[in-house]
Protein backbone atom coordinates (compact mmCIF):
# COMPACT_ATOMS: atom_id res chain seq x y z
CA UNK A 1 0.00 0.00 0.00
CA UNK A 2 1.00 3.58 -0.50
CA UNK A 3 2.61 5.08 2.51
CA UNK A 4 4.07 8.24 3.82
CA UNK A 5 2.03 10.92 2.10
CA UNK A 6 0.42 12.26 5.24
CA UNK A 7 3.76 12.67 6.93
CA UNK A 8 5.87 13.75 3.98
CA UNK A 9 4.12 16.14 1.67
CA UNK A 10 7.14 16.86 -0.49
CA UNK A 11 6.37 20.41 -1.46
CA UNK A 12 3.94 21.44 1.29
CA UNK A 13 3.00 24.17 -1.15
CA UNK A 14 -0.75 24.51 -0.62
CA UNK A 15 -2.48 26.62 2.02
CA UNK A 16 -5.98 26.29 3.40
CA UNK A 17 -7.31 28.95 1.02
CA UNK A 18 -5.98 26.92 -1.93
CA UNK A 19 -7.46 23.69 -0.60
CA UNK A 20 -10.88 25.24 0.02
CA UNK A 21 -11.06 26.63 -3.50
CA UNK A 22 -9.68 23.42 -4.99
CA UNK A 23 -12.50 21.50 -3.31
CA UNK A 24 -15.06 23.90 -4.75
CA UNK A 25 -13.32 23.90 -8.12
CA UNK A 26 -13.51 20.15 -8.48
CA UNK A 27 -17.29 20.11 -8.31
CA UNK A 28 -18.55 23.37 -9.78
CA UNK A 29 -17.88 22.55 -13.41
CA UNK A 30 -20.07 21.98 -16.43
CA UNK A 31 -21.97 19.39 -14.38
CA UNK A 32 -23.20 22.24 -12.20
CA UNK A 33 -23.76 25.07 -14.65
CA UNK A 34 -25.17 22.85 -17.41
CA UNK A 35 -25.87 19.44 -15.84
CA UNK A 36 -28.53 20.84 -13.50
CA UNK A 37 -30.84 21.01 -16.51
CA UNK A 38 -30.82 17.21 -16.86
CA UNK A 39 -31.63 16.67 -13.19
CA UNK A 40 -34.49 19.19 -13.36
CA UNK A 41 -35.94 17.52 -16.45
CA UNK A 42 -35.67 14.11 -14.78
CA UNK A 43 -37.28 14.93 -11.41
CA UNK A 44 -39.22 18.17 -11.92
CA UNK A 45 -39.73 20.32 -8.78
CA UNK A 46 -38.70 17.30 -6.66
CA UNK A 47 -35.14 17.92 -7.88
CA UNK A 48 -34.78 20.17 -4.82
CA UNK A 49 -35.23 17.05 -2.70
CA UNK A 50 -32.73 15.23 -4.94
CA UNK A 51 -30.14 17.94 -4.32
CA UNK A 52 -30.88 18.03 -0.59
CA UNK A 53 -30.63 14.25 -0.25
CA UNK A 54 -27.47 14.05 -2.36
CA UNK A 55 -25.92 16.92 -0.41
CA UNK A 56 -26.61 15.20 2.90
CA UNK A 57 -25.07 11.97 1.62
CA UNK A 58 -21.99 13.80 0.34
CA UNK A 59 -21.70 15.63 3.67
CA UNK A 60 -21.65 12.38 5.62
CA UNK A 61 -19.27 10.74 3.14
CA UNK A 62 -16.86 13.64 3.66
CA UNK A 63 -17.09 13.27 7.43
CA UNK A 64 -16.46 9.54 7.07
CA UNK A 65 -13.48 10.22 4.80
CA UNK A 66 -12.04 12.57 7.40
CA UNK A 67 -12.55 9.99 10.15
CA UNK A 68 -11.04 7.25 7.98
CA UNK A 69 -7.92 9.27 7.17
CA UNK A 70 -7.55 10.29 10.80
CA UNK A 71 -7.67 6.73 12.12
CA UNK A 72 -5.31 5.21 9.54
CA UNK A 73 -2.59 7.83 9.04
CA UNK A 74 0.50 7.48 6.84
CA UNK A 75 -1.26 5.39 4.21
CA UNK A 76 -1.80 7.90 1.44
CA UNK A 77 -5.12 8.81 -0.13
CA UNK A 78 -8.56 7.44 0.68
CA UNK A 79 -8.17 4.90 -2.15
CA UNK A 80 -5.15 3.45 -0.37
CA UNK A 81 -7.09 3.46 2.89
CA UNK A 82 -9.94 1.46 1.36
CA UNK A 83 -7.49 -1.07 -0.07
CA UNK A 84 -5.75 -1.41 3.28
CA UNK A 85 -8.98 -2.00 5.20
CA UNK A 86 -11.11 -3.97 2.72
CA UNK A 87 -8.30 -5.80 0.98
CA UNK A 88 -6.35 -5.42 -2.26
CA UNK A 89 -9.24 -6.48 -4.48
CA UNK A 90 -11.48 -3.67 -3.24
CA UNK A 91 -8.51 -1.32 -3.44
CA UNK A 92 -8.03 -2.26 -7.09
CA UNK A 93 -11.70 -1.69 -7.90
CA UNK A 94 -11.87 1.53 -5.90
CA UNK A 95 -8.78 2.95 -7.58
CA UNK A 96 -9.72 2.13 -11.16
CA UNK A 97 -13.38 3.12 -10.90
CA UNK A 98 -12.28 6.46 -9.44
CA UNK A 99 -9.78 6.95 -12.24
CA UNK A 100 -12.34 6.04 -14.90
CA UNK A 101 -14.79 8.57 -13.45
CA UNK A 102 -12.20 11.32 -13.67
CA UNK A 103 -10.89 10.36 -17.10
CA UNK A 104 -14.46 10.43 -18.44
CA UNK A 105 -15.21 13.70 -16.65
CA UNK A 106 -12.04 15.31 -17.99
CA UNK A 107 -12.89 14.20 -21.52
CA UNK A 108 -16.34 15.78 -21.21
CA UNK A 109 -14.83 19.00 -19.87
CA UNK A 110 -12.28 19.09 -22.72
CA UNK A 111 -15.11 18.87 -25.25
CA UNK A 112 -17.14 21.50 -23.39
CA UNK A 113 -14.19 23.90 -23.41
CA UNK A 114 -13.58 23.36 -27.12
CA UNK A 115 -17.27 23.96 -27.86
CA UNK A 116 -17.19 27.24 -25.93
CA UNK A 117 -14.03 28.41 -27.69
CA UNK A 118 -14.98 27.28 -31.20
CA UNK A 119 -17.13 30.36 -32.04
CA UNK A 120 -14.37 32.66 -30.76
CA UNK A 121 -11.15 31.01 -31.97
CA UNK A 122 -10.84 30.07 -35.68
CA UNK A 123 -9.10 26.75 -35.15
CA UNK A 124 -10.20 23.14 -35.77
CA UNK A 125 -12.23 21.62 -32.96
CA UNK A 126 -9.69 18.85 -32.31
CA UNK A 127 -6.85 21.37 -32.08
CA UNK A 128 -8.81 23.43 -29.54
CA UNK A 129 -9.26 20.28 -27.45
CA UNK A 130 -5.52 19.59 -27.55
CA UNK A 131 -4.65 23.20 -26.67
CA UNK A 132 -7.01 23.22 -23.69
CA UNK A 133 -5.78 19.87 -22.40
CA UNK A 134 -2.16 20.75 -23.10
CA UNK A 135 -2.31 24.02 -21.19
CA UNK A 136 -3.82 22.38 -18.12
CA UNK A 137 -1.31 19.52 -18.33
CA UNK A 138 1.65 21.91 -18.48
CA UNK A 139 0.24 23.78 -15.49
CA UNK A 140 0.00 20.56 -13.47
CA UNK A 141 3.54 19.57 -14.44
CA UNK A 142 5.02 22.94 -13.47
CA UNK A 143 4.51 23.24 -9.71
CA UNK A 144 2.01 22.43 -7.00
CA UNK A 145 1.98 26.04 -5.80
CA UNK A 146 1.35 27.35 -9.33
CA UNK A 147 -1.50 24.90 -9.75
CA UNK A 148 -2.98 26.05 -6.45
CA UNK A 149 -2.81 29.74 -7.36
CA UNK A 150 -4.42 29.25 -10.79
CA UNK A 151 -7.11 27.04 -9.30
CA UNK A 152 -7.77 29.62 -6.61
CA UNK A 153 -8.41 32.26 -9.28
CA UNK A 154 -10.61 30.02 -11.44
CA UNK A 155 -12.66 28.79 -8.48
CA UNK A 156 -13.03 32.32 -7.14
CA UNK A 157 -14.50 33.32 -10.52
CA UNK A 158 -17.10 30.56 -10.26
CA UNK A 159 -18.02 31.27 -6.67
CA UNK A 160 -18.36 34.99 -7.42
CA UNK A 161 -20.53 34.22 -10.45
CA UNK A 162 -22.88 32.05 -8.39
CA UNK A 163 -23.17 34.73 -5.73
CA UNK A 164 -23.96 37.35 -8.40
CA UNK A 165 -26.53 35.00 -9.93
CA UNK A 166 -28.17 34.46 -6.54
CA UNK A 167 -28.19 38.21 -5.96
CA UNK A 168 -29.84 38.85 -9.35
CA UNK A 169 -32.36 36.10 -8.71
CA UNK A 170 -33.21 37.32 -5.22
CA UNK A 171 -33.70 40.86 -6.53
CA UNK A 172 -35.96 39.61 -9.31
CA UNK A 173 -38.03 37.56 -6.89
CA UNK A 174 -38.32 40.50 -4.49
CA UNK A 175 -39.70 42.57 -7.37
CA UNK A 176 -42.31 39.95 -8.14
CA UNK A 177 -40.67 38.20 -11.09
CA UNK A 178 -41.53 34.57 -10.42
CA UNK A 179 -43.46 31.77 -12.03
CA UNK A 180 -47.03 31.07 -11.03
CA UNK A 181 -47.59 28.40 -8.41
CA UNK A 182 -49.25 26.24 -11.05
CA UNK A 183 -46.17 26.43 -13.28
CA UNK A 184 -43.78 25.67 -10.41
CA UNK A 185 -45.74 22.55 -9.50
CA UNK A 186 -46.80 21.67 -13.03
CA UNK A 187 -47.64 18.00 -12.70
CA UNK A 188 -47.27 18.09 -8.90
CA UNK A 189 -44.19 17.88 -6.73
CA UNK A 190 -43.38 14.46 -8.19
CA UNK A 191 -44.46 14.73 -11.86
CA UNK A 192 -42.46 11.62 -12.77
CA UNK A 193 -43.12 9.77 -9.53
CA UNK A 194 -41.27 9.73 -6.21
CA UNK A 195 -38.80 7.17 -7.53
CA UNK A 196 -37.59 9.72 -10.12
CA UNK A 197 -36.45 11.94 -7.26
CA UNK A 198 -34.05 9.21 -6.06
CA UNK A 199 -33.13 8.22 -9.62
CA UNK A 200 -31.92 11.78 -10.21
CA UNK A 201 -29.55 11.54 -7.24
CA UNK A 202 -26.72 9.87 -9.26
CA UNK A 203 -26.92 12.76 -11.75
CA UNK A 204 -26.69 15.22 -8.86
CA UNK A 205 -23.94 13.26 -7.11
CA UNK A 206 -21.99 13.19 -10.38
CA UNK A 207 -22.24 16.98 -10.56
CA UNK A 208 -21.03 17.17 -6.94
CA UNK A 209 -18.28 14.58 -7.41
CA UNK A 210 -14.94 16.04 -6.48
CA UNK A 211 -15.48 17.11 -2.89
CA UNK A 212 -12.86 14.52 -1.96
CA UNK A 213 -10.24 16.49 -3.90
CA UNK A 214 -9.73 18.62 -0.80
CA UNK A 215 -8.51 15.56 1.10
CA UNK A 216 -6.04 14.79 -1.70
CA UNK A 217 -4.83 18.39 -1.95
CA UNK A 218 -4.40 18.55 1.82
CA UNK A 219 -1.65 15.94 1.51
CA UNK A 220 0.42 18.61 -0.27
CA UNK A 221 -0.05 21.12 2.57
CA UNK A 222 1.96 21.80 5.69
CA UNK A 223 -0.73 20.48 8.08
CA UNK A 224 -2.50 17.70 6.16
CA UNK A 225 -4.44 16.11 9.02
CA UNK A 226 -5.87 19.38 10.34
CA UNK A 227 -6.70 20.65 6.84
CA UNK A 228 -8.45 17.40 5.90
CA UNK A 229 -10.65 17.67 8.97
CA UNK A 230 -11.50 21.30 8.29
CA UNK A 231 -12.36 20.72 4.63
CA UNK A 232 -14.46 17.62 5.32
CA UNK A 233 -16.59 19.46 7.88
CA UNK A 234 -17.33 22.52 5.76
CA UNK A 235 -17.09 21.85 2.04
CA UNK A 236 -20.24 19.77 1.60
CA UNK A 237 -22.31 22.30 3.57
CA UNK A 238 -21.07 25.13 1.35
CA UNK A 239 -21.78 23.16 -1.79
CA UNK A 240 -25.24 22.20 -0.60
CA UNK A 241 -25.96 25.89 -0.07
CA UNK A 242 -24.70 26.84 -3.54
CA UNK A 243 -26.55 24.04 -5.32
CA UNK A 244 -29.85 24.25 -3.47
CA UNK A 245 -30.01 28.03 -3.61
CA UNK A 246 -29.20 28.15 -7.32
CA UNK A 247 -31.68 25.44 -8.30
CA UNK A 248 -34.38 27.05 -6.13
CA UNK A 249 -33.87 30.37 -7.94
CA UNK A 250 -34.04 28.61 -11.32
CA UNK A 251 -37.30 26.85 -10.42
CA UNK A 252 -38.83 30.04 -9.04
CA UNK A 253 -38.11 32.05 -12.19
CA UNK A 254 -38.46 29.44 -14.95
CA UNK A 255 -41.30 26.93 -15.42
CA UNK A 256 -39.41 23.68 -14.96
CA UNK A 257 -40.77 22.15 -18.16
CA UNK A 258 -39.04 24.91 -20.17
CA UNK A 259 -35.60 23.89 -18.90
CA UNK A 260 -33.76 22.24 -21.80
CA UNK A 261 -31.44 19.32 -20.91
CA UNK A 262 -27.91 20.04 -22.08
CA UNK A 263 -28.37 23.81 -21.96
CA UNK A 264 -27.44 26.06 -19.05
CA UNK A 265 -30.50 26.90 -16.93
CA UNK A 266 -28.46 29.77 -15.47
CA UNK A 267 -28.28 31.34 -18.91
CA UNK A 268 -32.01 30.72 -19.40
CA UNK A 269 -32.76 32.60 -16.18
CA UNK A 270 -30.54 35.54 -17.11
CA UNK A 271 -32.19 35.63 -20.54
CA UNK A 272 -35.67 35.59 -19.02
CA UNK A 273 -34.66 38.52 -16.81
CA UNK A 274 -33.22 40.38 -19.84
CA UNK A 275 -29.81 40.79 -18.24
CA UNK A 276 -27.53 42.54 -20.77
CA UNK A 277 -24.49 40.63 -22.07
CA UNK A 278 -25.73 37.48 -20.31
CA UNK A 279 -24.46 35.17 -23.09
CA UNK A 280 -20.93 36.54 -22.94
CA UNK A 281 -20.77 36.57 -19.16
CA UNK A 282 -22.02 33.00 -18.80
CA UNK A 283 -19.64 31.80 -21.51
CA UNK A 284 -16.72 33.21 -19.52
CA UNK A 285 -18.01 31.72 -16.26
CA UNK A 286 -18.68 28.29 -17.74
CA UNK A 287 -15.28 28.30 -19.45
CA UNK A 288 -13.64 29.15 -16.11
CA UNK A 289 -15.64 26.34 -14.52
CA UNK A 290 -14.56 23.85 -17.17
CA UNK A 291 -10.88 24.82 -16.96
CA UNK A 292 -11.05 24.67 -13.17
CA UNK A 293 -12.48 21.15 -13.22
CA UNK A 294 -9.82 20.10 -15.73
CA UNK A 295 -7.14 21.57 -13.52
CA UNK A 296 -8.41 19.93 -10.33
CA UNK A 297 -9.24 16.65 -12.04
CA UNK A 298 -5.74 16.25 -13.49
CA UNK A 299 -4.26 17.04 -10.09
CA UNK A 300 -6.42 14.62 -8.11
CA UNK A 301 -6.50 11.71 -10.54
CA UNK A 302 -2.73 11.77 -11.09
CA UNK A 303 -2.15 11.50 -7.33
CA UNK A 304 -4.63 8.64 -7.09
CA UNK A 305 -2.99 6.92 -10.07
CA UNK A 306 0.35 7.11 -8.27
CA UNK A 307 -1.21 5.55 -5.17
CA UNK A 308 -2.71 2.81 -7.34
CA UNK A 309 0.75 2.17 -8.80
CA UNK A 310 2.28 2.11 -5.31
CA UNK A 311 -0.23 -0.60 -4.41
CA UNK A 312 1.00 -2.64 -7.38
CA UNK A 313 -2.20 -2.14 -9.39
CA UNK A 314 -0.67 0.01 -12.15
CA UNK A 315 2.74 0.08 -13.88
CA UNK A 316 5.59 0.74 -11.45
CA UNK A 317 6.87 3.59 -13.63
CA UNK A 318 3.85 5.67 -12.55
CA UNK A 319 5.15 5.79 -8.97
CA UNK A 320 7.90 8.26 -9.90
CA UNK A 321 7.77 11.86 -8.65
CA UNK A 322 9.98 14.89 -9.16
CA UNK A 323 12.76 14.99 -6.56
CA UNK A 324 12.12 18.59 -5.58
CA UNK A 325 8.47 19.16 -6.52
CA UNK A 326 6.95 15.80 -5.60
CA UNK A 327 4.80 15.99 -8.76
CA UNK A 328 3.99 12.58 -10.32
CA UNK A 329 4.86 13.71 -13.86
CA UNK A 330 4.28 10.35 -15.55
CA UNK A 331 0.93 9.91 -13.84
CA UNK A 332 -0.17 13.40 -14.96
CA UNK A 333 0.79 12.58 -18.56
CA UNK A 334 -0.97 9.20 -18.39
CA UNK A 335 -4.22 10.78 -17.17
CA UNK A 336 -4.01 13.52 -19.81
CA UNK A 337 -3.39 11.00 -22.60
CA UNK A 338 -6.25 8.78 -21.40
CA UNK A 339 -8.63 11.75 -21.27
CA UNK A 340 -7.61 12.73 -24.79
CA UNK A 341 -8.30 9.18 -25.96
CA UNK A 342 -11.78 9.19 -24.37
CA UNK A 343 -12.52 12.59 -25.93
CA UNK A 344 -11.46 11.17 -29.31
CA UNK A 345 -13.78 8.20 -28.75
CA UNK A 346 -16.67 10.64 -28.39
CA UNK A 347 -16.06 11.61 -32.02
CA UNK A 348 -15.09 8.20 -33.40
CA UNK A 349 -17.57 6.11 -31.38
CA UNK A 350 -20.11 8.41 -29.70
CA UNK A 351 -22.78 5.74 -29.24
CA UNK A 352 -20.45 3.00 -28.01
CA UNK A 353 -17.35 3.83 -25.95
CA UNK A 354 -18.13 7.35 -24.76
CA UNK A 355 -21.83 6.68 -24.24
CA UNK A 356 -20.93 3.61 -22.17
CA UNK A 357 -18.50 5.56 -19.97
CA UNK A 358 -20.96 8.40 -19.39
CA UNK A 359 -23.62 5.84 -18.44
CA UNK A 360 -21.54 4.08 -15.79
CA UNK A 361 -19.87 6.97 -13.95
CA UNK A 362 -22.88 7.64 -11.71
CA UNK A 363 -22.92 4.04 -10.51
CA UNK A 364 -19.13 4.12 -10.07
CA UNK A 365 -19.41 7.16 -7.80
CA UNK A 366 -22.18 5.61 -5.69
CA UNK A 367 -20.25 2.32 -5.42
CA UNK A 368 -17.03 4.13 -4.48
CA UNK A 369 -18.80 6.05 -1.74
CA UNK A 370 -20.29 2.81 -0.46
CA UNK A 371 -16.83 1.24 -0.23
CA UNK A 372 -15.59 4.23 1.76
CA UNK A 373 -18.49 3.84 4.21
CA UNK A 374 -18.04 0.06 4.48
CA UNK A 375 -14.32 0.59 5.16
CA UNK A 376 -15.22 2.94 7.99
CA UNK A 377 -17.69 0.45 9.46
CA UNK A 378 -15.11 -2.34 9.26
CA UNK A 379 -12.56 -0.15 11.00
CA UNK A 380 -14.89 0.78 13.88
CA UNK A 381 -18.12 -1.24 13.60
CA UNK A 382 -19.83 0.03 16.74
CA UNK A 383 -21.75 3.24 17.28
CA UNK A 384 -21.62 4.57 13.74
CA UNK A 385 -25.21 5.63 13.04
CA UNK A 386 -24.20 8.24 10.47
CA UNK A 387 -22.22 5.65 8.51
CA UNK A 388 -25.14 3.22 8.51
CA UNK A 389 -27.54 5.98 7.47
CA UNK A 390 -25.22 6.95 4.62
CA UNK A 391 -24.88 3.36 3.46
CA UNK A 392 -28.65 2.89 3.56
CA UNK A 393 -29.15 6.12 1.60
CA UNK A 394 -26.68 5.09 -1.09
CA UNK A 395 -28.30 1.65 -1.31
CA UNK A 396 -31.74 3.30 -1.65
CA UNK A 397 -30.45 5.25 -4.66
CA UNK A 398 -29.36 2.02 -6.36
CA UNK A 399 -32.74 0.42 -5.61
CA UNK A 400 -34.51 3.45 -7.08
CA UNK A 401 -32.38 3.15 -10.21
CA UNK A 402 -33.37 -0.50 -10.51
CA UNK A 403 -37.06 0.43 -10.26
CA UNK A 404 -36.94 3.44 -12.60
CA UNK A 405 -37.03 2.24 -16.23
CA UNK A 406 -35.00 5.27 -17.36
CA UNK A 407 -32.15 4.62 -14.90
CA UNK A 408 -32.22 0.82 -14.96
CA UNK A 409 -30.01 0.67 -18.05
CA UNK A 410 -27.30 2.76 -16.39
CA UNK A 411 -27.41 0.61 -13.25
CA UNK A 412 -27.05 -2.56 -15.32
CA UNK A 413 -24.12 -1.19 -17.33
CA UNK A 414 -22.42 0.14 -14.19
CA UNK A 415 -22.82 -3.19 -12.39
CA UNK A 416 -21.41 -5.09 -15.38
CA UNK A 417 -18.47 -2.68 -15.57
CA UNK A 418 -17.67 -3.10 -11.86
CA UNK A 419 -17.92 -6.87 -12.26
CA UNK A 420 -15.51 -6.63 -15.16
CA UNK A 421 -13.01 -4.67 -13.05
CA UNK A 422 -13.29 -7.30 -10.29
CA UNK A 423 -12.60 -10.00 -12.90
CA UNK A 424 -9.63 -8.04 -14.22
CA UNK A 425 -8.22 -7.86 -10.69
CA UNK A 426 -8.53 -11.62 -10.37
CA UNK A 427 -6.62 -12.10 -13.63
CA UNK A 428 -3.92 -9.59 -12.69
CA UNK A 429 -3.50 -11.13 -9.22
CA UNK A 430 -3.25 -14.64 -10.65
CA UNK A 431 -0.59 -13.57 -13.15
CA UNK A 432 1.30 -11.72 -10.41
CA UNK A 433 1.32 -14.82 -8.20
CA UNK A 434 2.62 -17.00 -11.05
CA UNK A 435 5.46 -14.56 -11.80
CA UNK A 436 6.40 -13.86 -8.18
CA UNK A 437 9.48 -15.78 -6.98
CA UNK A 438 9.08 -17.80 -3.84
CA UNK A 439 9.75 -15.71 -0.75
CA UNK A 440 9.61 -12.39 -2.59
CA UNK A 441 8.51 -9.40 -0.60
CA UNK A 442 5.17 -7.73 -1.09
CA UNK A 443 4.83 -4.32 -2.64
CA UNK A 444 6.05 -1.90 0.03
CA UNK A 445 3.26 -0.29 2.06
């Protein structure tokens, strides 16, 4: 297992202000500014309950992560912790599902950035994708402190934009600009049934995925344990406030049936209020959000990939870090190349490879959170009501997906994919045992 990261952050370059913004930056991407439209279309007005329920689950998962890291220090990231507690097989599955989620997310963000830049920059779409990915990759290879400063600025832009949006919305509502009660509850609170509210939770959780980045970034700070605890206690509450407030404003100003999946409901609201230059402003904000998520995603996934390699579940060459900076350069390049390949698959095979990956990431996130909670329960099985509540809530989401005909397909694909990763681990372990000389030492941990 990976060891030593909590007690030897090589650069100790990040401060609490960086870590806080990095945590926000990992989640407030296109999945927030655009993805909210899909959740609203899926659940209707009940999407507020979806966001509230998902936010509560994420809050408890963050608390559990903090507790887990505090009780098993000097073992690297939470992926390493899960592998240490639940065994190498679960560690393998946890690591690779997490990496696949981020590689897919990064590919989606690359395409979103290229789409935003295409009307403004007269270059081929594929070249814009490479330029966006290349710039973020170079930034991650340069220095941890430089990454933190850029991410702080990008995340600050997003947070400021949301606060301005909430201010505009509150002013409009105070002046009487709101939808009629009949339009707000068009079809009732649960127009697609109560199950749809739970089925929308994976979509919401996917848009919130990334809160754990703060725990990874804290390992590159001067006081990792204290910073992890502080981030875990506060970040989910802040996000819940941002998400719930924003979606409530959207539903109060726009009839929910007019929200178009795949289009920014924030822009729709600003257009309905006749805010001047709304298109240009939201383009800048969404571009900042996309670049921020790319930046944070490359950072977090490269560190996790290194931990996976340290556990013996990825090529040993990916363990290498810069002597002075501590940056896992090869892992950063591997993640960037994989994201580029997935983005290319969206063009070459949009209905097969990319569609499959997009379909399974929600289940991967739910399953990963469940493994974190189970690891916590195995570590201290008694007196953990919050952990049991969280596990039950996550299980209820999977049950709702099984019942909902629209989400059942994603659950089936996700389950098959996780089964395939388990099978791959069995094959890799069997080959490793056959090649291992008698009496050889285990991978250091």
